[in-house]
Each structure stands twice: as structure tokens, then as C-alpha cells.
Amino acid sequence: TEEGGEASIADQVQSAGFATWSATAMEDEILAIGQIHGAWGTPSIEELLMALLTEHRANVDAGKTAEADTVMVLYNFKSRQLVAQGGKGGKALKTDKNLQN
């Protein structure tokens, strides 16, 4: 584990059963979840992260804690890419019409 008691991404990947998954397999799973939640084409990292959060919430609400934990590992994996890019996901987020005045 890392300082402060947080598990490293490698520890999270191992505990979530991703030990044999390649980064490509994780990306494929993230894209599939993104498509389920409407992130088609070439979605930005932010769009994929929002889709992962939606999937996580759906699993939590359904009482599927193992699945929710797995989605959070995918979320952490993908969010590290955003951090590595300096917080720039590559394209602007689409404006949510429900949040407009």
C-alpha cells in the first residue's frame, strides 16, 4: 500500500480480479461501459469517467458491491490517465442541457 493507507492501483487491480487483464482489456471494458451509458464514437476521458460513475451508482443502488468495486478500479485506472495528461481530456465536455438555465 501507499503512504496514508491507500491501496496502489496495482493492489486494487489485483484485488478486483484484474491481475490477468491487460491495459487493453481494461480499456475495452471501460469503452463498453461508456457505450452502455451513451459515450459513443471516440469519447473523452471525462465522458468515460462520468459513465463509470453512473455504472458505479447503478451497481451500488442494486446492492452489487463486488461489481461496484470493480467499476471503481476501472475508474481509478482511467482517472490516472487524465491526471497524466494534466487534467486535459482531449476535447471539451458536452454541455448537459439539464444543467442550463
N, C-alpha and C. Protein backbone atom coordinates (compact mmCIF):
# COMPACT_ATOMS: atom_id res chain seq x y z
N THR A 1 0.84 -1.20 0.00
CA THR A 1 0.00 0.00 0.00
C THR A 1 0.86 1.24 0.00
N GLU A 2 0.26 2.33 -0.45
CA GLU A 2 0.96 3.60 -0.49
C GLU A 2 0.86 4.29 0.86
N GLU A 3 1.63 5.34 1.03
CA GLU A 3 1.59 6.14 2.24
C GLU A 3 0.17 6.64 2.45
N GLY A 4 -0.28 6.68 3.72
CA GLY A 4 -1.62 7.15 4.00
C GLY A 4 -2.66 6.04 3.96
N GLY A 5 -2.22 4.79 3.75
CA GLY A 5 -3.13 3.67 3.80
C GLY A 5 -3.89 3.41 2.51
N GLU A 6 -3.72 4.22 1.48
CA GLU A 6 -4.43 3.99 0.23
C GLU A 6 -3.74 2.86 -0.53
N ALA A 7 -4.56 2.00 -1.10
CA ALA A 7 -4.00 0.92 -1.91
C ALA A 7 -3.53 1.48 -3.24
N SER A 8 -2.41 0.96 -3.71
CA SER A 8 -1.92 1.39 -5.01
C SER A 8 -2.85 0.84 -6.09
N ILE A 9 -2.77 1.40 -7.27
CA ILE A 9 -3.60 0.91 -8.37
C ILE A 9 -3.28 -0.56 -8.65
N ALA A 10 -2.03 -0.95 -8.49
CA ALA A 10 -1.66 -2.36 -8.70
C ALA A 10 -2.35 -3.25 -7.68
N ASP A 11 -2.42 -2.81 -6.42
CA ASP A 11 -3.12 -3.57 -5.38
C ASP A 11 -4.61 -3.67 -5.70
N GLN A 12 -5.20 -2.56 -6.15
CA GLN A 12 -6.62 -2.54 -6.48
C GLN A 12 -6.90 -3.47 -7.65
N VAL A 13 -6.05 -3.43 -8.65
CA VAL A 13 -6.22 -4.28 -9.82
C VAL A 13 -6.15 -5.74 -9.40
N GLN A 14 -5.18 -6.08 -8.56
CA GLN A 14 -5.01 -7.45 -8.09
C GLN A 14 -6.23 -7.91 -7.31
N SER A 15 -6.72 -7.08 -6.37
CA SER A 15 -7.82 -7.49 -5.51
C SER A 15 -9.14 -7.55 -6.27
N ALA A 16 -9.29 -6.82 -7.35
CA ALA A 16 -10.53 -6.83 -8.12
C ALA A 16 -10.55 -7.93 -9.18
N GLY A 17 -9.53 -8.76 -9.20
CA GLY A 17 -9.50 -9.86 -10.15
C GLY A 17 -8.99 -9.48 -11.52
N PHE A 18 -8.32 -8.34 -11.62
CA PHE A 18 -7.79 -7.89 -12.91
C PHE A 18 -6.34 -8.31 -13.11
N ALA A 19 -5.82 -9.15 -12.24
CA ALA A 19 -4.40 -9.50 -12.28
C ALA A 19 -3.98 -10.01 -13.66
N THR A 20 -4.88 -10.70 -14.33
CA THR A 20 -4.53 -11.25 -15.64
C THR A 20 -5.00 -10.36 -16.79
N TRP A 21 -5.62 -9.22 -16.48
CA TRP A 21 -6.11 -8.31 -17.51
C TRP A 21 -4.98 -7.42 -18.00
N SER A 22 -4.95 -7.20 -19.28
CA SER A 22 -4.01 -6.24 -19.84
C SER A 22 -4.64 -4.86 -19.78
N ALA A 23 -3.84 -3.84 -19.97
CA ALA A 23 -4.37 -2.48 -20.02
C ALA A 23 -5.39 -2.37 -21.16
N THR A 24 -5.15 -3.07 -22.25
CA THR A 24 -6.08 -3.05 -23.38
C THR A 24 -7.43 -3.64 -22.99
N ALA A 25 -7.40 -4.73 -22.24
CA ALA A 25 -8.66 -5.35 -21.80
C ALA A 25 -9.43 -4.41 -20.88
N MET A 26 -8.71 -3.71 -20.01
CA MET A 26 -9.37 -2.75 -19.12
C MET A 26 -9.97 -1.60 -19.94
N GLU A 27 -9.23 -1.13 -20.94
CA GLU A 27 -9.74 -0.07 -21.82
C GLU A 27 -10.99 -0.54 -22.55
N ASP A 28 -10.99 -1.77 -23.03
CA ASP A 28 -12.15 -2.32 -23.72
C ASP A 28 -13.37 -2.36 -22.80
N GLU A 29 -13.16 -2.76 -21.56
CA GLU A 29 -14.25 -2.80 -20.59
C GLU A 29 -14.78 -1.40 -20.30
N ILE A 30 -13.87 -0.43 -20.17
CA ILE A 30 -14.26 0.96 -19.93
C ILE A 30 -15.07 1.49 -21.11
N LEU A 31 -14.62 1.21 -22.32
CA LEU A 31 -15.35 1.67 -23.51
C LEU A 31 -16.73 1.03 -23.58
N ALA A 32 -16.84 -0.25 -23.22
CA ALA A 32 -18.14 -0.93 -23.23
C ALA A 32 -19.09 -0.28 -22.24
N ILE A 33 -18.61 0.02 -21.05
CA ILE A 33 -19.43 0.69 -20.05
C ILE A 33 -19.81 2.08 -20.55
N GLY A 34 -18.87 2.76 -21.19
CA GLY A 34 -19.16 4.07 -21.76
C GLY A 34 -20.28 4.00 -22.78
N GLN A 35 -20.24 3.00 -23.64
CA GLN A 35 -21.28 2.86 -24.66
C GLN A 35 -22.64 2.56 -24.03
N ILE A 36 -22.66 1.77 -22.99
CA ILE A 36 -23.91 1.48 -22.29
C ILE A 36 -24.56 2.78 -21.81
N HIS A 37 -23.71 3.73 -21.44
CA HIS A 37 -24.21 4.99 -20.87
C HIS A 37 -24.13 6.15 -21.86
N GLY A 38 -24.05 5.84 -23.16
CA GLY A 38 -24.19 6.86 -24.18
C GLY A 38 -22.91 7.53 -24.66
N ALA A 39 -21.74 7.05 -24.26
CA ALA A 39 -20.48 7.64 -24.70
C ALA A 39 -20.00 6.89 -25.95
N TRP A 40 -20.55 7.27 -27.11
CA TRP A 40 -20.25 6.61 -28.38
C TRP A 40 -19.14 7.32 -29.13
N GLY A 41 -18.70 6.69 -30.21
CA GLY A 41 -17.67 7.30 -31.04
C GLY A 41 -16.32 7.23 -30.34
N THR A 42 -15.68 8.37 -30.26
CA THR A 42 -14.40 8.50 -29.55
C THR A 42 -14.64 9.40 -28.35
N PRO A 43 -15.12 8.82 -27.26
CA PRO A 43 -15.46 9.64 -26.09
C PRO A 43 -14.21 10.19 -25.40
N SER A 44 -14.38 11.34 -24.77
CA SER A 44 -13.29 11.92 -23.99
C SER A 44 -13.11 11.10 -22.71
N ILE A 45 -11.99 11.29 -22.07
CA ILE A 45 -11.76 10.62 -20.79
C ILE A 45 -12.82 11.05 -19.80
N GLU A 46 -13.19 12.32 -19.80
CA GLU A 46 -14.21 12.82 -18.87
C GLU A 46 -15.54 12.11 -19.11
N GLU A 47 -15.92 11.91 -20.37
CA GLU A 47 -17.18 11.22 -20.66
C GLU A 47 -17.14 9.78 -20.16
N LEU A 48 -16.00 9.13 -20.33
CA LEU A 48 -15.86 7.77 -19.83
C LEU A 48 -15.90 7.72 -18.31
N LEU A 49 -15.27 8.69 -17.67
CA LEU A 49 -15.31 8.74 -16.21
C LEU A 49 -16.74 8.95 -15.71
N MET A 50 -17.48 9.82 -16.38
CA MET A 50 -18.88 10.04 -15.99
C MET A 50 -19.70 8.76 -16.17
N ALA A 51 -19.45 8.03 -17.26
CA ALA A 51 -20.15 6.77 -17.49
C ALA A 51 -19.80 5.75 -16.40
N LEU A 52 -18.53 5.70 -16.01
CA LEU A 52 -18.11 4.79 -14.95
C LEU A 52 -18.78 5.14 -13.63
N LEU A 53 -18.90 6.42 -13.33
CA LEU A 53 -19.58 6.83 -12.10
C LEU A 53 -21.06 6.45 -12.14
N THR A 54 -21.68 6.60 -13.30
CA THR A 54 -23.09 6.21 -13.45
C THR A 54 -23.25 4.72 -13.24
N GLU A 55 -22.34 3.94 -13.81
CA GLU A 55 -22.37 2.49 -13.64
C GLU A 55 -22.13 2.10 -12.19
N HIS A 56 -21.19 2.77 -11.56
CA HIS A 56 -20.91 2.50 -10.14
C HIS A 56 -22.15 2.74 -9.30
N ARG A 57 -22.81 3.89 -9.52
CA ARG A 57 -24.01 4.22 -8.75
C ARG A 57 -25.11 3.19 -8.98
N ALA A 58 -25.29 2.74 -10.23
CA ALA A 58 -26.30 1.73 -10.53
C ALA A 58 -26.01 0.43 -9.80
N ASN A 59 -24.74 0.05 -9.74
CA ASN A 59 -24.37 -1.17 -9.02
C ASN A 59 -24.58 -1.03 -7.52
N VAL A 60 -24.22 0.13 -6.97
CA VAL A 60 -24.42 0.37 -5.54
C VAL A 60 -25.91 0.32 -5.22
N ASP A 61 -26.71 1.01 -6.03
CA ASP A 61 -28.16 1.03 -5.80
C ASP A 61 -28.78 -0.36 -5.89
N ALA A 62 -28.20 -1.22 -6.73
CA ALA A 62 -28.70 -2.58 -6.90
C ALA A 62 -28.11 -3.55 -5.87
N GLY A 63 -27.24 -3.05 -5.00
CA GLY A 63 -26.63 -3.90 -3.99
C GLY A 63 -25.52 -4.80 -4.51
N LYS A 64 -25.00 -4.48 -5.68
CA LYS A 64 -23.94 -5.28 -6.31
C LYS A 64 -22.58 -4.69 -5.92
N THR A 65 -22.16 -4.94 -4.70
CA THR A 65 -20.95 -4.29 -4.20
C THR A 65 -19.68 -4.76 -4.91
N ALA A 66 -19.61 -6.03 -5.27
CA ALA A 66 -18.41 -6.53 -5.97
C ALA A 66 -18.28 -5.85 -7.33
N GLU A 67 -19.39 -5.73 -8.04
CA GLU A 67 -19.37 -5.07 -9.33
C GLU A 67 -19.02 -3.59 -9.18
N ALA A 68 -19.59 -2.96 -8.14
CA ALA A 68 -19.30 -1.54 -7.88
C ALA A 68 -17.81 -1.35 -7.60
N ASP A 69 -17.22 -2.26 -6.83
CA ASP A 69 -15.79 -2.18 -6.54
C ASP A 69 -14.96 -2.32 -7.81
N THR A 70 -15.37 -3.23 -8.69
CA THR A 70 -14.68 -3.43 -9.96
C THR A 70 -14.73 -2.17 -10.80
N VAL A 71 -15.90 -1.54 -10.86
CA VAL A 71 -16.04 -0.31 -11.64
C VAL A 71 -15.16 0.79 -11.07
N MET A 72 -15.03 0.86 -9.74
CA MET A 72 -14.17 1.89 -9.15
C MET A 72 -12.71 1.66 -9.49
N VAL A 73 -12.30 0.40 -9.61
CA VAL A 73 -10.92 0.12 -10.04
C VAL A 73 -10.73 0.63 -11.47
N LEU A 74 -11.71 0.39 -12.32
CA LEU A 74 -11.63 0.90 -13.70
C LEU A 74 -11.62 2.43 -13.70
N TYR A 75 -12.43 3.04 -12.84
CA TYR A 75 -12.47 4.50 -12.73
C TYR A 75 -11.10 5.04 -12.32
N ASN A 76 -10.49 4.41 -11.32
CA ASN A 76 -9.17 4.85 -10.86
C ASN A 76 -8.12 4.69 -11.97
N PHE A 77 -8.19 3.58 -12.68
CA PHE A 77 -7.27 3.34 -13.80
C PHE A 77 -7.41 4.45 -14.84
N LYS A 78 -8.65 4.79 -15.20
CA LYS A 78 -8.89 5.79 -16.24
C LYS A 78 -8.57 7.20 -15.73
N SER A 79 -8.88 7.48 -14.48
CA SER A 79 -8.64 8.84 -13.95
C SER A 79 -7.15 9.14 -13.88
N ARG A 80 -6.33 8.12 -13.70
CA ARG A 80 -4.88 8.35 -13.70
C ARG A 80 -4.39 8.81 -15.06
N GLN A 81 -5.06 8.39 -16.11
CA GLN A 81 -4.71 8.86 -17.45
C GLN A 81 -5.01 10.35 -17.58
N LEU A 82 -6.13 10.78 -17.01
CA LEU A 82 -6.49 12.20 -17.05
C LEU A 82 -5.47 13.02 -16.28
N VAL A 83 -5.07 12.54 -15.13
CA VAL A 83 -4.06 13.23 -14.32
C VAL A 83 -2.73 13.29 -15.09
N ALA A 84 -2.37 12.20 -15.74
CA ALA A 84 -1.12 12.15 -16.51
C ALA A 84 -1.13 13.15 -17.66
N GLN A 85 -2.32 13.48 -18.16
CA GLN A 85 -2.44 14.46 -19.24
C GLN A 85 -2.59 15.88 -18.69
N GLY A 86 -2.42 16.03 -17.40
CA GLY A 86 -2.54 17.35 -16.79
C GLY A 86 -3.97 17.83 -16.69
N GLY A 87 -4.91 16.88 -16.61
CA GLY A 87 -6.31 17.24 -16.46
C GLY A 87 -7.00 17.59 -17.77
N LYS A 88 -6.32 17.39 -18.88
CA LYS A 88 -6.91 17.71 -20.18
C LYS A 88 -7.31 16.41 -20.87
N GLY A 89 -8.59 16.24 -21.06
CA GLY A 89 -9.11 15.00 -21.64
C GLY A 89 -9.09 14.95 -23.15
N GLY A 90 -8.72 16.02 -23.80
CA GLY A 90 -8.58 15.97 -25.24
C GLY A 90 -9.68 16.67 -26.01
N LYS A 91 -10.86 16.77 -25.44
CA LYS A 91 -11.92 17.53 -26.10
C LYS A 91 -12.87 18.06 -25.05
N ALA A 92 -13.58 19.09 -25.38
CA ALA A 92 -14.46 19.73 -24.42
C ALA A 92 -15.63 18.81 -24.07
N LEU A 93 -16.06 18.92 -22.83
CA LEU A 93 -17.25 18.18 -22.40
C LEU A 93 -18.48 18.73 -23.09
N LYS A 94 -19.40 17.87 -23.39
CA LYS A 94 -20.67 18.31 -23.93
C LYS A 94 -21.46 18.97 -22.81
N THR A 95 -22.12 20.05 -23.11
CA THR A 95 -22.94 20.71 -22.11
C THR A 95 -24.20 19.90 -21.86
N ASP A 96 -24.51 19.71 -20.60
CA ASP A 96 -25.72 18.98 -20.22
C ASP A 96 -26.89 19.94 -20.25
N LYS A 97 -27.85 19.70 -21.15
CA LYS A 97 -28.97 20.62 -21.30
C LYS A 97 -29.80 20.72 -20.02
N ASN A 98 -29.72 19.69 -19.16
CA ASN A 98 -30.48 19.73 -17.90
C ASN A 98 -29.85 20.67 -16.87
N LEU A 99 -28.61 21.05 -17.09
CA LEU A 99 -27.92 21.92 -16.14
C LEU A 99 -27.94 23.38 -16.59
N GLN A 100 -28.46 23.63 -17.77
CA GLN A 100 -28.51 25.00 -18.27
C GLN A 100 -29.69 25.75 -17.65
N ASN A 101 -29.54 27.07 -17.55
CA ASN A 101 -30.63 27.90 -17.01
C ASN A 101 -31.74 28.04 -18.01
